[in-house]
Protein backbone atom coordinates (compact mmCIF):
# COMPACT_ATOMS: atom_id res chain seq x y z
CA MET A 1 2.97 -49.73 36.45
CA THR A 2 1.03 -46.47 37.64
CA GLU A 3 -2.24 -46.50 39.52
CA LYS A 4 -3.72 -45.44 36.11
CA ASN A 5 -2.85 -48.57 34.07
CA LEU A 6 -3.54 -50.91 36.65
CA ALA A 7 -6.64 -48.70 37.64
CA ARG A 8 -9.76 -51.05 35.88
CA PHE A 9 -7.88 -54.29 37.23
CA TYR A 10 -8.66 -53.38 40.73
CA ALA A 11 -11.95 -54.15 40.38
CA ILE A 12 -11.30 -57.06 38.21
CA ALA A 13 -8.87 -58.38 40.78
CA GLN A 14 -11.82 -58.08 43.45
CA GLY A 15 -14.16 -59.44 41.32
CA ILE A 16 -11.82 -62.83 41.18
CA TRP A 17 -11.07 -62.82 44.34
CA SER A 18 -14.43 -62.63 45.31
CA GLN A 19 -15.02 -65.94 43.44
CA LEU A 20 -12.21 -68.02 45.93
CA PRO A 21 -13.51 -69.96 48.90
CA PRO A 22 -11.08 -67.99 51.77
CA SER A 23 -9.87 -71.62 52.99
CA ALA A 24 -8.45 -72.50 49.16
CA ARG A 25 -6.87 -68.72 49.02
CA PHE A 26 -3.44 -66.79 49.38
CA ARG A 27 -4.10 -65.06 52.83
CA PRO A 28 -2.09 -61.87 52.98
CA LEU A 29 -1.28 -61.60 56.64
CA GLU A 30 -0.57 -65.02 57.44
CA ASP A 31 1.15 -65.87 54.28
CA GLY A 32 2.69 -62.80 53.80
CA LYS A 33 4.18 -62.85 57.45
CA VAL A 34 5.50 -66.74 56.36
CA LEU A 35 7.27 -65.11 53.19
CA THR A 36 8.54 -61.88 55.14
CA ARG A 37 10.58 -65.03 58.36
CA HIS A 38 11.77 -66.34 55.36
CA ARG A 39 12.53 -63.54 52.63
CA ALA A 40 16.48 -63.98 52.62
CA PHE A 41 16.02 -67.01 51.80
CA LEU A 42 13.73 -66.38 49.07
CA GLU A 43 15.57 -63.31 47.86
CA GLY A 44 18.64 -65.79 47.31
CA LEU A 45 16.88 -68.20 45.19
CA VAL A 46 15.88 -65.46 42.69
CA ASP A 47 18.97 -66.51 39.63
CA GLU A 48 18.36 -69.21 40.23
CA LEU A 49 14.47 -69.38 39.23
CA VAL A 50 14.67 -67.07 36.89
CA GLN A 51 17.85 -69.25 34.86
CA GLY A 52 15.77 -72.01 35.08
CA PHE A 53 12.23 -70.09 34.70
CA TYR A 54 13.95 -69.39 30.76
CA ASP A 55 15.65 -72.54 30.65
CA THR A 56 12.67 -74.54 31.06
CA LEU A 57 10.32 -72.19 28.60
CA PHE A 58 13.60 -72.23 25.90
CA ALA A 59 14.51 -75.65 25.99
CA HIS A 60 10.19 -76.25 24.79
CA PRO A 61 9.41 -75.50 21.30
CA PRO A 62 5.73 -74.58 22.22
CA THR A 63 7.03 -72.01 24.61
CA ARG A 64 10.29 -70.42 22.79
CA ALA A 65 8.01 -69.70 19.72
CA VAL A 66 6.07 -67.02 22.39
CA PHE A 67 9.73 -65.07 21.87
CA ARG A 68 11.20 -62.90 20.06
CA GLU A 69 14.64 -62.75 19.09
CA GLY A 70 17.18 -61.42 21.63
CA GLU A 71 13.73 -59.99 24.29
CA ARG A 72 15.28 -62.99 26.68
CA PRO A 73 16.72 -59.97 29.17
CA LEU A 74 14.20 -57.62 29.09
CA ARG A 75 11.49 -60.73 30.20
CA GLU A 76 14.40 -62.05 32.40
CA LYS A 77 14.44 -58.67 34.54
CA THR A 78 10.41 -58.04 34.67
CA LEU A 79 10.54 -61.95 35.62
CA ARG A 80 13.24 -61.10 38.30
CA ASP A 81 11.00 -57.55 39.39
CA TRP A 82 7.99 -59.92 39.67
CA TYR A 83 9.63 -62.39 41.63
CA LEU A 84 10.98 -59.67 44.33
CA ARG A 85 8.35 -57.59 44.79
CA THR A 86 6.32 -60.69 45.53
CA VAL A 87 8.18 -61.70 47.98
CA GLN A 88 9.11 -58.63 50.01
CA GLY A 89 5.25 -57.87 49.78
CA PRO A 90 2.86 -56.35 50.70
CA PHE A 91 0.27 -58.49 49.70
CA ASN A 92 -2.55 -55.15 48.54
CA GLY A 93 -4.87 -53.77 46.05
CA GLN A 94 -1.89 -52.74 43.70
CA TYR A 95 -0.72 -56.36 43.48
CA PHE A 96 -3.46 -58.51 42.78
CA ALA A 97 -4.65 -56.03 40.07
CA TRP A 98 -0.88 -56.39 38.60
CA GLN A 99 -1.26 -60.06 38.38
CA ALA A 100 -4.73 -60.20 36.72
CA LEU A 101 -3.10 -57.38 34.08
CA VAL A 102 -0.51 -59.85 33.53
CA GLY A 103 -3.68 -61.93 31.59
CA LEU A 104 -4.25 -59.67 29.07
CA VAL A 105 -0.54 -59.27 28.65
CA HIS A 106 -0.71 -62.95 27.48
CA VAL A 107 -3.48 -62.73 25.29
CA ARG A 108 -1.32 -60.06 23.83
CA ARG A 109 1.72 -62.48 23.54
CA GLN A 110 -0.34 -65.38 22.57
CA VAL A 111 0.45 -67.20 26.53
CA THR A 112 -1.72 -70.03 27.05
CA ASN A 113 -2.91 -71.10 30.29
CA ALA A 114 -1.54 -73.98 30.10
CA MET A 115 1.72 -73.04 30.30
CA MET A 116 1.22 -70.56 32.79
CA ALA A 117 -0.30 -73.38 35.43
CA ALA A 118 2.88 -75.24 34.04
CA MET A 119 6.01 -72.93 34.90
CA TRP A 120 3.79 -71.96 38.33
CA ASN A 121 4.03 -75.44 38.66
CA TRP A 122 7.47 -75.63 37.90
CA LEU A 123 8.19 -72.88 40.22
CA VAL A 124 6.57 -73.95 43.69
CA GLU A 125 8.18 -77.03 42.79
CA ARG A 126 11.16 -75.20 42.79
CA VAL A 127 10.76 -73.35 45.33
CA VAL A 128 9.49 -75.90 48.04
CA GLU A 129 12.88 -78.06 47.38
CA ARG A 130 14.99 -75.51 48.55
CA ALA A 131 12.84 -74.70 51.28
CA GLN A 132 13.22 -78.81 51.28
CA ALA A 133 16.84 -78.52 51.52
CA ALA A 134 17.06 -75.83 53.64
CA LEU A 135 14.80 -75.07 56.42
CA PRO A 136 13.00 -77.03 59.78
CA PRO A 137 10.64 -79.30 58.11
CA GLU A 138 7.88 -77.16 59.87
CA GLU A 139 9.01 -73.97 58.33
CA ALA A 140 9.73 -75.49 54.50
CA LYS A 141 6.15 -77.00 54.69
CA ALA A 142 4.82 -73.73 56.08
CA LEU A 143 6.54 -72.22 52.93
CA GLU A 144 5.63 -75.06 50.90
CA GLY A 145 1.96 -74.01 51.59
CA THR A 146 2.01 -70.40 51.20
CA TRP A 147 3.80 -71.31 47.64
CA ARG A 148 0.51 -72.93 46.50
CA ARG A 149 -1.89 -70.66 46.92
CA LEU A 150 -0.14 -67.72 45.80
CA GLY A 151 0.82 -70.00 42.96
CA PHE A 152 -3.25 -70.74 42.52
CA THR A 153 -4.20 -67.65 43.89
CA VAL A 154 -2.47 -66.10 40.69
CA ALA A 155 -2.87 -68.58 38.68
CA ALA A 156 -6.40 -67.59 39.21
CA LEU A 157 -6.44 -63.82 38.86
CA ILE A 158 -4.75 -64.86 35.49
CA GLY A 159 -6.61 -67.36 34.22
CA GLU A 160 -9.89 -65.69 34.38
CA GLU A 161 -8.35 -62.39 33.52
CA TYR A 162 -7.19 -64.48 30.23
CA LEU A 163 -9.71 -65.63 29.74
CA ASP A 164 -12.53 -62.49 29.89
CA ALA A 165 -9.84 -59.97 28.28
CA TYR A 166 -9.56 -62.50 25.10
CA LEU A 167 -13.78 -62.47 25.01
CA GLU A 168 -13.77 -59.14 25.43
CA ALA A 169 -11.55 -58.66 22.89
CA LEU A 170 -13.39 -60.71 20.39
CA ALA A 171 -16.64 -58.68 21.39
CA GLU A 172 -15.67 -55.68 20.42
CA ALA A 173 -13.39 -56.65 17.39
CA ARG A 174 -17.00 -58.06 15.63
CA GLY A 175 -18.13 -54.73 17.31
CA GLU A 176 -20.77 -56.46 19.67
CA ASP A 177 -21.76 -55.80 23.07
CA PRO A 178 -18.95 -58.09 25.57
CA GLN A 179 -21.73 -58.82 27.94
CA ALA A 180 -24.85 -59.78 25.43
CA PHE A 181 -21.25 -61.49 23.68
CA ARG A 182 -20.77 -63.81 26.43
CA ALA A 183 -24.02 -64.70 27.28
CA LEU A 184 -23.99 -66.66 23.09
CA ALA A 185 -20.47 -68.30 24.66
CA GLN A 186 -22.46 -69.96 27.15
CA ARG A 187 -25.42 -71.27 25.17
CA GLU A 188 -22.70 -72.02 22.18
CA ALA A 189 -21.19 -74.47 25.06
CA GLU A 190 -24.62 -75.66 26.07
CA ARG A 191 -25.38 -76.77 22.43
CA LEU A 192 -21.99 -78.33 22.35
CA LEU A 193 -22.75 -80.10 25.74
CA ARG A 194 -25.78 -81.14 24.25
CA GLU A 195 -24.53 -82.49 20.59
CA LEU A 196 -22.52 -84.43 23.08
CA THR A 197 -25.10 -86.58 24.81
CA PRO A 198 -26.01 -89.87 23.85
CA ARG A 199 -29.63 -89.49 22.70
């Protein structure tokens, strides 16, 4: 991914990042050190994680339907590249802009936020299981916290940009201003909630 492709996503990622309370999000310096400390261990999991990730997706008809015939090797390479870049760092603006871009990619590929969140959970669980089996308890606990914060932070970036990109695409397809379209969506949500309120 080039800097030019990511340019608009730097600002998007910063906007989403600013919404996440600091105590509840990934901590690039502190959590980055935990990942660096366990880099060799994490790199050693890559084949197992990539295989299991796509076995899980391909075993479930709704997630299997996202893929085109014969594209699994390419998607596995994408996940492998992402995972290795993640465990090797650095956690800079480019990394988080890239994560926000995934939201737009998911709109195009019809990967829902539900699918994305479930697979983040799958990935965190696998890493935690392996860490608990292989590392001293305190280190396993530190790595677990790091992966959970990373998972929720990246899921927030992807999910928020997914929604924003979806609304923007709908607005532009209708020839409307995206900001006005978002305001319309809020008004409609208010109307729908009023209809649910007992009278």
